[in-house]
């Protein structure tokens, strides 16, 4: 067995791994999350073909919280479209009549998917990779859409922490989903060991992975807002309960 023959499978696998890890999506989306306001019939998103050489197909669909593909109460229009090289277009999430049957006192969560389909190639030994974008889609009923004044005091500031054993429980009393992406014991500290990003459902509670010893009595939690921004909240703890300290929370994020 020659050296080339012996290591050929390894070389091919390594090449495929490198291609997958360096590939960039041809079809780009203009946001990292979607908020569908119940007072509207649809929400539109801009998409672009970043490839200036080839046309691509863009396929969109929606999944429920369990990852099942659905066609109601929300649907994607058009489900498939062609984008010429370097061109932009729009994809729309449309509400169907069944959307009125969703809970009207809190948000519902779905997932919007956008898959790029490259043109077929006649070249031999060519590896084609179709990349897919998956982002959260929140249906926000008209009854809980915040006013501009309410937006100046984000609902995430209503979060509290309760000590349960050696960990903190995050309590979300609001009708909105809250996604936490970082937790640390101070603004300058590193991410607490054991922390994993989590999404707390409306009027629900979840345990933080990091221990109380890791987070201390002044935890800093970072959340994702409607626009994909990542503000940080500073908490102050006493007698096993922690509340947001508005004066200590960074104001420049």
C-alpha atoms as a PDB file:
ATOM      1  CA  UNK A   1       0.000   0.000   0.000  1.00  0.00           C
ATOM      2  CA  UNK A   2       1.455   3.354  -1.010  1.00  0.00           C
ATOM      3  CA  UNK A   3       1.500   6.397   1.241  1.00  0.00           C
ATOM      4  CA  UNK A   4      -0.943   8.183  -1.093  1.00  0.00           C
ATOM      5  CA  UNK A   5      -3.461   5.321  -1.116  1.00  0.00           C
ATOM      6  CA  UNK A   6      -3.259   4.773   2.613  1.00  0.00           C
ATOM      7  CA  UNK A   7      -3.941   8.374   3.570  1.00  0.00           C
ATOM      8  CA  UNK A   8      -6.300   9.366   0.740  1.00  0.00           C
ATOM      9  CA  UNK A   9      -9.521   8.801   2.788  1.00  0.00           C
ATOM     10  CA  UNK A  10      -8.086  10.864   5.653  1.00  0.00           C
ATOM     11  CA  UNK A  11      -7.125  13.669   3.251  1.00  0.00           C
ATOM     12  CA  UNK A  12     -10.606  13.729   1.712  1.00  0.00           C
ATOM     13  CA  UNK A  13     -12.267  13.832   5.144  1.00  0.00           C
ATOM     14  CA  UNK A  14      -9.952  16.621   6.267  1.00  0.00           C
ATOM     15  CA  UNK A  15     -10.695  18.613   3.114  1.00  0.00           C
ATOM     16  CA  UNK A  16     -14.455  18.235   3.623  1.00  0.00           C
ATOM     17  CA  UNK A  17     -14.095  19.324   7.270  1.00  0.00           C
ATOM     18  CA  UNK A  18     -12.152  22.434   6.245  1.00  0.00           C
ATOM     19  CA  UNK A  19     -14.669  23.341   3.548  1.00  0.00           C
ATOM     20  CA  UNK A  20     -17.613  23.049   5.941  1.00  0.00           C
ATOM     21  CA  UNK A  21     -15.905  25.140   8.614  1.00  0.00           C
ATOM     22  CA  UNK A  22     -14.806  27.902   6.219  1.00  0.00           C
ATOM     23  CA  UNK A  23     -17.989  28.028   4.124  1.00  0.00           C
ATOM     24  CA  UNK A  24     -20.024  31.199   4.320  1.00  0.00           C
ATOM     25  CA  UNK A  25     -23.720  31.418   3.567  1.00  0.00           C
ATOM     26  CA  UNK A  26     -24.504  32.760   0.108  1.00  0.00           C
ATOM     27  CA  UNK A  27     -28.010  33.826   1.181  1.00  0.00           C
ATOM     28  CA  UNK A  28     -27.883  36.412   3.963  1.00  0.00           C
ATOM     29  CA  UNK A  29     -30.724  37.452   6.290  1.00  0.00           C
ATOM     30  CA  UNK A  30     -31.076  40.968   7.714  1.00  0.00           C
ATOM     31  CA  UNK A  31     -31.742  39.934  11.351  1.00  0.00           C
ATOM     32  CA  UNK A  32     -31.030  37.339  14.015  1.00  0.00           C
ATOM     33  CA  UNK A  33     -34.594  37.073  15.373  1.00  0.00           C
ATOM     34  CA  UNK A  34     -38.128  37.939  14.274  1.00  0.00           C
ATOM     35  CA  UNK A  35     -40.823  39.610  16.357  1.00  0.00           C
ATOM     36  CA  UNK A  36     -44.236  39.191  14.719  1.00  0.00           C
ATOM     37  CA  UNK A  37     -46.637  41.722  16.209  1.00  0.00           C
ATOM     38  CA  UNK A  38     -50.191  40.430  16.411  1.00  0.00           C
ATOM     39  CA  UNK A  39     -51.574  43.777  15.283  1.00  0.00           C
ATOM     40  CA  UNK A  40     -50.107  43.111  11.808  1.00  0.00           C
ATOM     41  CA  UNK A  41     -50.942  40.581   9.110  1.00  0.00           C
ATOM     42  CA  UNK A  42     -47.339  39.869   8.134  1.00  0.00           C
ATOM     43  CA  UNK A  43     -43.693  40.731   8.747  1.00  0.00           C
ATOM     44  CA  UNK A  44     -41.131  41.064   5.933  1.00  0.00           C
ATOM     45  CA  UNK A  45     -37.393  40.355   6.005  1.00  0.00           C
ATOM     46  CA  UNK A  46     -34.712  41.319   3.540  1.00  0.00           C
ATOM     47  CA  UNK A  47     -32.503  38.621   2.044  1.00  0.00           C
ATOM     48  CA  UNK A  48     -29.502  38.954  -0.268  1.00  0.00           C
ATOM     49  CA  UNK A  49     -27.469  36.670  -2.477  1.00  0.00           C
ATOM     50  CA  UNK A  50     -23.901  37.445  -1.415  1.00  0.00           C
ATOM     51  CA  UNK A  51     -22.528  35.362  -4.271  1.00  0.00           C
ATOM     52  CA  UNK A  52     -21.813  37.691  -7.197  1.00  0.00           C
ATOM     53  CA  UNK A  53     -21.213  34.822  -9.618  1.00  0.00           C
ATOM     54  CA  UNK A  54     -24.087  32.366  -9.232  1.00  0.00           C
ATOM     55  CA  UNK A  55     -27.862  32.448  -8.694  1.00  0.00           C
ATOM     56  CA  UNK A  56     -29.251  30.640  -5.634  1.00  0.00           C
ATOM     57  CA  UNK A  57     -32.655  29.427  -4.531  1.00  0.00           C
ATOM     58  CA  UNK A  58     -33.859  30.520  -1.072  1.00  0.00           C
ATOM     59  CA  UNK A  59     -36.256  28.163   0.688  1.00  0.00           C
ATOM     60  CA  UNK A  60     -38.106  29.283   3.820  1.00  0.00           C
ATOM     61  CA  UNK A  61     -40.312  27.486   6.340  1.00  0.00           C
ATOM     62  CA  UNK A  62     -41.385  27.609   9.991  1.00  0.00           C
ATOM     63  CA  UNK A  63     -40.962  25.049  12.768  1.00  0.00           C
ATOM     64  CA  UNK A  64     -42.718  24.824  16.118  1.00  0.00           C
ATOM     65  CA  UNK A  65     -40.950  24.700  19.479  1.00  0.00           C
ATOM     66  CA  UNK A  66     -40.375  20.943  19.082  1.00  0.00           C
ATOM     67  CA  UNK A  67     -38.718  21.367  15.673  1.00  0.00           C
ATOM     68  CA  UNK A  68     -41.678  20.130  13.620  1.00  0.00           C
ATOM     69  CA  UNK A  69     -42.272  21.821  10.259  1.00  0.00           C
ATOM     70  CA  UNK A  70     -45.657  23.604  10.250  1.00  0.00           C
ATOM     71  CA  UNK A  71     -47.881  25.422   7.747  1.00  0.00           C
ATOM     72  CA  UNK A  72     -50.209  27.146  10.232  1.00  0.00           C
ATOM     73  CA  UNK A  73     -50.824  29.494  12.131  1.00  0.00           C
ATOM     74  CA  UNK A  74     -47.884  31.193  10.371  1.00  0.00           C
ATOM     75  CA  UNK A  75     -46.511  30.512   6.904  1.00  0.00           C
ATOM     76  CA  UNK A  76     -43.644  31.723   4.703  1.00  0.00           C
ATOM     77  CA  UNK A  77     -44.269  33.486   1.360  1.00  0.00           C
ATOM     78  CA  UNK A  78     -42.862  32.696  -1.094  1.00  0.00           C
ATOM     79  CA  UNK A  79     -41.722  29.289   0.175  1.00  0.00           C
ATOM     80  CA  UNK A  80     -39.033  29.170  -2.545  1.00  0.00           C
ATOM     81  CA  UNK A  81     -37.572  31.973  -4.667  1.00  0.00           C
ATOM     82  CA  UNK A  82     -34.607  32.527  -6.973  1.00  0.00           C
ATOM     83  CA  UNK A  83     -32.040  35.231  -6.230  1.00  0.00           C
ATOM     84  CA  UNK A  84     -29.765  36.364  -9.014  1.00  0.00           C
ATOM     85  CA  UNK A  85     -26.067  37.007  -8.229  1.00  0.00           C
ATOM     86  CA  UNK A  86     -25.636  39.930  -5.830  1.00  0.00           C
ATOM     87  CA  UNK A  87     -29.373  40.726  -5.795  1.00  0.00           C
ATOM     88  CA  UNK A  88     -31.744  41.394  -2.889  1.00  0.00           C
ATOM     89  CA  UNK A  89     -35.300  40.301  -2.256  1.00  0.00           C
ATOM     90  CA  UNK A  90     -37.819  39.868   0.552  1.00  0.00           C
ATOM     91  CA  UNK A  91     -39.370  36.911   2.315  1.00  0.00           C
ATOM     92  CA  UNK A  92     -42.577  37.319   4.299  1.00  0.00           C
ATOM     93  CA  UNK A  93     -44.046  35.527   7.309  1.00  0.00           C
ATOM     94  CA  UNK A  94     -47.825  35.646   6.923  1.00  0.00           C
ATOM     95  CA  UNK A  95     -50.381  35.144   9.695  1.00  0.00           C
ATOM     96  CA  UNK A  96     -53.260  32.771   8.949  1.00  0.00           C
ATOM     97  CA  UNK A  97     -56.680  32.907  10.693  1.00  0.00           C
ATOM     98  CA  UNK A  98     -55.486  30.306  13.220  1.00  0.00           C
ATOM     99  CA  UNK A  99     -53.083  32.912  14.661  1.00  0.00           C
ATOM    100  CA  UNK A 100     -56.044  34.429  16.496  1.00  0.00           C
ATOM    101  CA  UNK A 101     -56.309  31.175  18.470  1.00  0.00           C
ATOM    102  CA  UNK A 102     -52.820  31.575  19.951  1.00  0.00           C
ATOM    103  CA  UNK A 103     -52.543  32.746  23.589  1.00  0.00           C
ATOM    104  CA  UNK A 104     -53.276  36.465  23.706  1.00  0.00           C
ATOM    105  CA  UNK A 105     -51.762  37.151  27.129  1.00  0.00           C
ATOM    106  CA  UNK A 106     -48.206  36.029  26.316  1.00  0.00           C
ATOM    107  CA  UNK A 107     -45.783  35.369  23.479  1.00  0.00           C
ATOM    108  CA  UNK A 108     -45.557  32.138  21.493  1.00  0.00           C
ATOM    109  CA  UNK A 109     -42.227  30.987  20.011  1.00  0.00           C
ATOM    110  CA  UNK A 110     -41.489  29.423  16.624  1.00  0.00           C
ATOM    111  CA  UNK A 111     -38.380  29.060  14.460  1.00  0.00           C
ATOM    112  CA  UNK A 112     -37.889  30.621  11.039  1.00  0.00           C
ATOM    113  CA  UNK A 113     -35.648  28.637   8.686  1.00  0.00           C
ATOM    114  CA  UNK A 114     -33.936  29.856   5.527  1.00  0.00           C
ATOM    115  CA  UNK A 115     -32.004  27.375   3.399  1.00  0.00           C
ATOM    116  CA  UNK A 116     -29.884  28.250   0.386  1.00  0.00           C
ATOM    117  CA  UNK A 117     -29.936  25.857  -2.581  1.00  0.00           C
ATOM    118  CA  UNK A 118     -26.890  26.216  -4.867  1.00  0.00           C
ATOM    119  CA  UNK A 119     -27.154  25.723  -8.624  1.00  0.00           C
ATOM    120  CA  UNK A 120     -26.383  22.234  -9.859  1.00  0.00           C
ATOM    121  CA  UNK A 121     -22.846  21.817 -11.130  1.00  0.00           C
ATOM    122  CA  UNK A 122     -21.596  19.583 -13.949  1.00  0.00           C
ATOM    123  CA  UNK A 123     -18.048  19.585 -12.595  1.00  0.00           C
ATOM    124  CA  UNK A 124     -16.734  16.236 -11.374  1.00  0.00           C
ATOM    125  CA  UNK A 125     -15.526  15.730  -7.784  1.00  0.00           C
ATOM    126  CA  UNK A 126     -17.221  18.923  -6.586  1.00  0.00           C
ATOM    127  CA  UNK A 127     -18.516  19.216  -3.028  1.00  0.00           C
ATOM    128  CA  UNK A 128     -21.602  21.438  -2.736  1.00  0.00           C
ATOM    129  CA  UNK A 129     -22.721  22.658   0.674  1.00  0.00           C
ATOM    130  CA  UNK A 130     -26.217  24.052   1.275  1.00  0.00           C
ATOM    131  CA  UNK A 131     -26.178  26.180   4.433  1.00  0.00           C
ATOM    132  CA  UNK A 132     -29.243  26.904   6.554  1.00  0.00           C
ATOM    133  CA  UNK A 133     -30.113  29.760   8.905  1.00  0.00           C
ATOM    134  CA  UNK A 134     -32.471  29.112  11.845  1.00  0.00           C
ATOM    135  CA  UNK A 135     -33.639  31.971  14.060  1.00  0.00           C
ATOM    136  CA  UNK A 136     -36.276  32.451  16.739  1.00  0.00           C
ATOM    137  CA  UNK A 137     -39.656  33.812  15.706  1.00  0.00           C
ATOM    138  CA  UNK A 138     -41.760  35.336  18.482  1.00  0.00           C
ATOM    139  CA  UNK A 139     -45.485  35.904  17.955  1.00  0.00           C
ATOM    140  CA  UNK A 140     -46.387  38.878  20.164  1.00  0.00           C
ATOM    141  CA  UNK A 141     -50.148  39.413  20.608  1.00  0.00           C
ATOM    142  CA  UNK A 142     -51.481  42.933  20.095  1.00  0.00           C
ATOM    143  CA  UNK A 143     -52.556  43.097  23.737  1.00  0.00           C
ATOM    144  CA  UNK A 144     -48.963  42.980  25.042  1.00  0.00           C
ATOM    145  CA  UNK A 145     -47.122  45.087  22.451  1.00  0.00           C
ATOM    146  CA  UNK A 146     -45.129  47.560  24.598  1.00  0.00           C
ATOM    147  CA  UNK A 147     -45.478  51.295  24.110  1.00  0.00           C
ATOM    148  CA  UNK A 148     -42.464  53.514  23.477  1.00  0.00           C
ATOM    149  CA  UNK A 149     -42.542  54.564  27.111  1.00  0.00           C
ATOM    150  CA  UNK A 150     -42.584  50.931  28.237  1.00  0.00           C
ATOM    151  CA  UNK A 151     -39.656  50.159  25.945  1.00  0.00           C
ATOM    152  CA  UNK A 152     -37.575  52.732  27.813  1.00  0.00           C
ATOM    153  CA  UNK A 153     -37.862  50.418  30.825  1.00  0.00           C
ATOM    154  CA  UNK A 154     -37.183  46.953  29.325  1.00  0.00           C
ATOM    155  CA  UNK A 155     -39.280  44.122  30.735  1.00  0.00           C
ATOM    156  CA  UNK A 156     -36.098  42.117  31.302  1.00  0.00           C
ATOM    157  CA  UNK A 157     -35.435  44.403  34.259  1.00  0.00           C
ATOM    158  CA  UNK A 158     -38.317  42.647  36.046  1.00  0.00           C
ATOM    159  CA  UNK A 159     -36.358  39.385  36.246  1.00  0.00           C
ATOM    160  CA  UNK A 160     -35.503  38.145  39.728  1.00  0.00           C
ATOM    161  CA  UNK A 161     -33.214  35.422  41.026  1.00  0.00           C
ATOM    162  CA  UNK A 162     -34.017  33.073  43.891  1.00  0.00           C
ATOM    163  CA  UNK A 163     -31.395  30.950  45.606  1.00  0.00           C
ATOM    164  CA  UNK A 164     -32.318  27.251  45.516  1.00  0.00           C
ATOM    165  CA  UNK A 165     -29.605  25.163  47.137  1.00  0.00           C
ATOM    166  CA  UNK A 166     -26.296  25.993  45.471  1.00  0.00           C
ATOM    167  CA  UNK A 167     -27.834  27.572  42.363  1.00  0.00           C
ATOM    168  CA  UNK A 168     -29.960  30.520  41.308  1.00  0.00           C
ATOM    169  CA  UNK A 169     -33.411  30.185  39.800  1.00  0.00           C
ATOM    170  CA  UNK A 170     -34.338  32.803  37.167  1.00  0.00           C
ATOM    171  CA  UNK A 171     -37.906  34.041  37.550  1.00  0.00           C
ATOM    172  CA  UNK A 172     -39.619  35.680  34.565  1.00  0.00           C
ATOM    173  CA  UNK A 173     -42.908  37.356  35.628  1.00  0.00           C
ATOM    174  CA  UNK A 174     -43.406  38.982  32.210  1.00  0.00           C
ATOM    175  CA  UNK A 175     -45.489  37.790  29.212  1.00  0.00           C
ATOM    176  CA  UNK A 176     -42.325  37.741  27.040  1.00  0.00           C
ATOM    177  CA  UNK A 177     -39.620  35.163  26.383  1.00  0.00           C
ATOM    178  CA  UNK A 178     -36.237  36.149  27.809  1.00  0.00           C
ATOM    179  CA  UNK A 179     -33.038  34.679  26.351  1.00  0.00           C
ATOM    180  CA  UNK A 180     -29.947  34.799  28.575  1.00  0.00           C
ATOM    181  CA  UNK A 181     -26.590  34.360  26.835  1.00  0.00           C
ATOM    182  CA  UNK A 182     -24.045  35.150  29.547  1.00  0.00           C
ATOM    183  CA  UNK A 183     -23.665  35.105  33.330  1.00  0.00           C
ATOM    184  CA  UNK A 184     -20.711  36.289  35.426  1.00  0.00           C
ATOM    185  CA  UNK A 185     -19.951  37.451  38.960  1.00  0.00           C
ATOM    186  CA  UNK A 186     -18.928  40.992  37.879  1.00  0.00           C
ATOM    187  CA  UNK A 187     -18.838  43.114  34.747  1.00  0.00           C
ATOM    188  CA  UNK A 188     -15.143  42.401  34.179  1.00  0.00           C
ATOM    189  CA  UNK A 189     -15.212  38.690  35.116  1.00  0.00           C
ATOM    190  CA  UNK A 190     -15.247  35.777  32.698  1.00  0.00           C
ATOM    191  CA  UNK A 191     -18.379  33.758  31.951  1.00  0.00           C
ATOM    192  CA  UNK A 192     -19.223  31.657  35.002  1.00  0.00           C
ATOM    193  CA  UNK A 193     -18.198  28.024  34.798  1.00  0.00           C
ATOM    194  CA  UNK A 194     -21.191  25.768  34.135  1.00  0.00           C
ATOM    195  CA  UNK A 195     -23.349  28.463  32.556  1.00  0.00           C
ATOM    196  CA  UNK A 196     -25.269  27.528  29.404  1.00  0.00           C
ATOM    197  CA  UNK A 197     -27.470  29.949  27.430  1.00  0.00           C
ATOM    198  CA  UNK A 198     -31.163  29.484  28.183  1.00  0.00           C
ATOM    199  CA  UNK A 199     -34.553  30.894  27.240  1.00  0.00           C
ATOM    200  CA  UNK A 200     -37.052  31.483  30.037  1.00  0.00           C
ATOM    201  CA  UNK A 201     -40.676  31.211  28.951  1.00  0.00           C
ATOM    202  CA  UNK A 202     -43.289  33.835  29.919  1.00  0.00           C
ATOM    203  CA  UNK A 203     -44.360  33.644  33.574  1.00  0.00           C
ATOM    204  CA  UNK A 204     -41.979  30.740  34.165  1.00  0.00           C
ATOM    205  CA  UNK A 205     -38.711  29.922  35.948  1.00  0.00           C
ATOM    206  CA  UNK A 206     -35.506  28.064  35.066  1.00  0.00           C
ATOM    207  CA  UNK A 207     -32.346  27.164  36.937  1.00  0.00           C
ATOM    208  CA  UNK A 208     -29.032  28.757  35.977  1.00  0.00           C
ATOM    209  CA  UNK A 209     -26.317  26.192  35.298  1.00  0.00           C
ATOM    210  CA  UNK A 210     -23.628  28.146  37.168  1.00  0.00           C
ATOM    211  CA  UNK A 211     -23.414  27.773  40.940  1.00  0.00           C
ATOM    212  CA  UNK A 212     -23.982  30.493  43.511  1.00  0.00           C
ATOM    213  CA  UNK A 213     -20.294  30.278  44.376  1.00  0.00           C
ATOM    214  CA  UNK A 214     -19.425  31.082  40.738  1.00  0.00           C
ATOM    215  CA  UNK A 215     -21.864  34.007  40.456  1.00  0.00           C
ATOM    216  CA  UNK A 216     -21.531  35.523  43.935  1.00  0.00           C
ATOM    217  CA  UNK A 217     -24.044  37.982  45.387  1.00  0.00           C
ATOM    218  CA  UNK A 218     -23.826  40.501  42.525  1.00  0.00           C
ATOM    219  CA  UNK A 219     -24.470  38.423  39.364  1.00  0.00           C
ATOM    220  CA  UNK A 220     -24.393  40.024  35.918  1.00  0.00           C
ATOM    221  CA  UNK A 221     -26.719  38.489  33.320  1.00  0.00           C
ATOM    222  CA  UNK A 222     -26.713  39.364  29.607  1.00  0.00           C
ATOM    223  CA  UNK A 223     -29.890  39.007  27.547  1.00  0.00           C
ATOM    224  CA  UNK A 224     -30.800  39.386  23.868  1.00  0.00           C
ATOM    225  CA  UNK A 225     -33.271  42.157  23.031  1.00  0.00           C
ATOM    226  CA  UNK A 226     -35.686  42.487  20.090  1.00  0.00           C
ATOM    227  CA  UNK A 227     -32.960  43.879  17.834  1.00  0.00           C
ATOM    228  CA  UNK A 228     -30.291  41.274  18.587  1.00  0.00           C
ATOM    229  CA  UNK A 229     -28.481  43.594  21.011  1.00  0.00           C
ATOM    230  CA  UNK A 230     -26.993  42.200  24.210  1.00  0.00           C
ATOM    231  CA  UNK A 231     -27.572  44.466  27.217  1.00  0.00           C
ATOM    232  CA  UNK A 232     -26.362  43.409  30.654  1.00  0.00           C
ATOM    233  CA  UNK A 233     -28.283  43.482  33.924  1.00  0.00           C
ATOM    234  CA  UNK A 234     -26.578  43.784  37.311  1.00  0.00           C
ATOM    235  CA  UNK A 235     -28.312  42.040  40.222  1.00  0.00           C
ATOM    236  CA  UNK A 236     -28.049  42.689  43.931  1.00  0.00           C
ATOM    237  CA  UNK A 237     -28.781  39.766  46.267  1.00  0.00           C
ATOM    238  CA  UNK A 238     -29.965  39.709  49.852  1.00  0.00           C
ATOM    239  CA  UNK A 239     -31.579  36.940  51.913  1.00  0.00           C
ATOM    240  CA  UNK A 240     -31.603  34.549  48.959  1.00  0.00           C
ATOM    241  CA  UNK A 241     -33.395  36.897  46.555  1.00  0.00           C
ATOM    242  CA  UNK A 242     -31.803  39.012  43.826  1.00  0.00           C
ATOM    243  CA  UNK A 243     -33.270  41.995  42.007  1.00  0.00           C
ATOM    244  CA  UNK A 244     -31.950  44.126  39.154  1.00  0.00           C
ATOM    245  CA  UNK A 245     -29.840  47.041  40.376  1.00  0.00           C
ATOM    246  CA  UNK A 246     -30.623  49.750  37.819  1.00  0.00           C
ATOM    247  CA  UNK A 247     -27.827  52.018  39.021  1.00  0.00           C
ATOM    248  CA  UNK A 248     -25.210  49.263  38.738  1.00  0.00           C
ATOM    249  CA  UNK A 249     -26.429  47.903  35.369  1.00  0.00           C
ATOM    250  CA  UNK A 250     -24.266  49.109  32.464  1.00  0.00           C
ATOM    251  CA  UNK A 251     -26.034  51.898  30.541  1.00  0.00           C
ATOM    252  CA  UNK A 252     -23.810  51.919  27.466  1.00  0.00           C
ATOM    253  CA  UNK A 253     -24.813  48.514  26.018  1.00  0.00           C
END
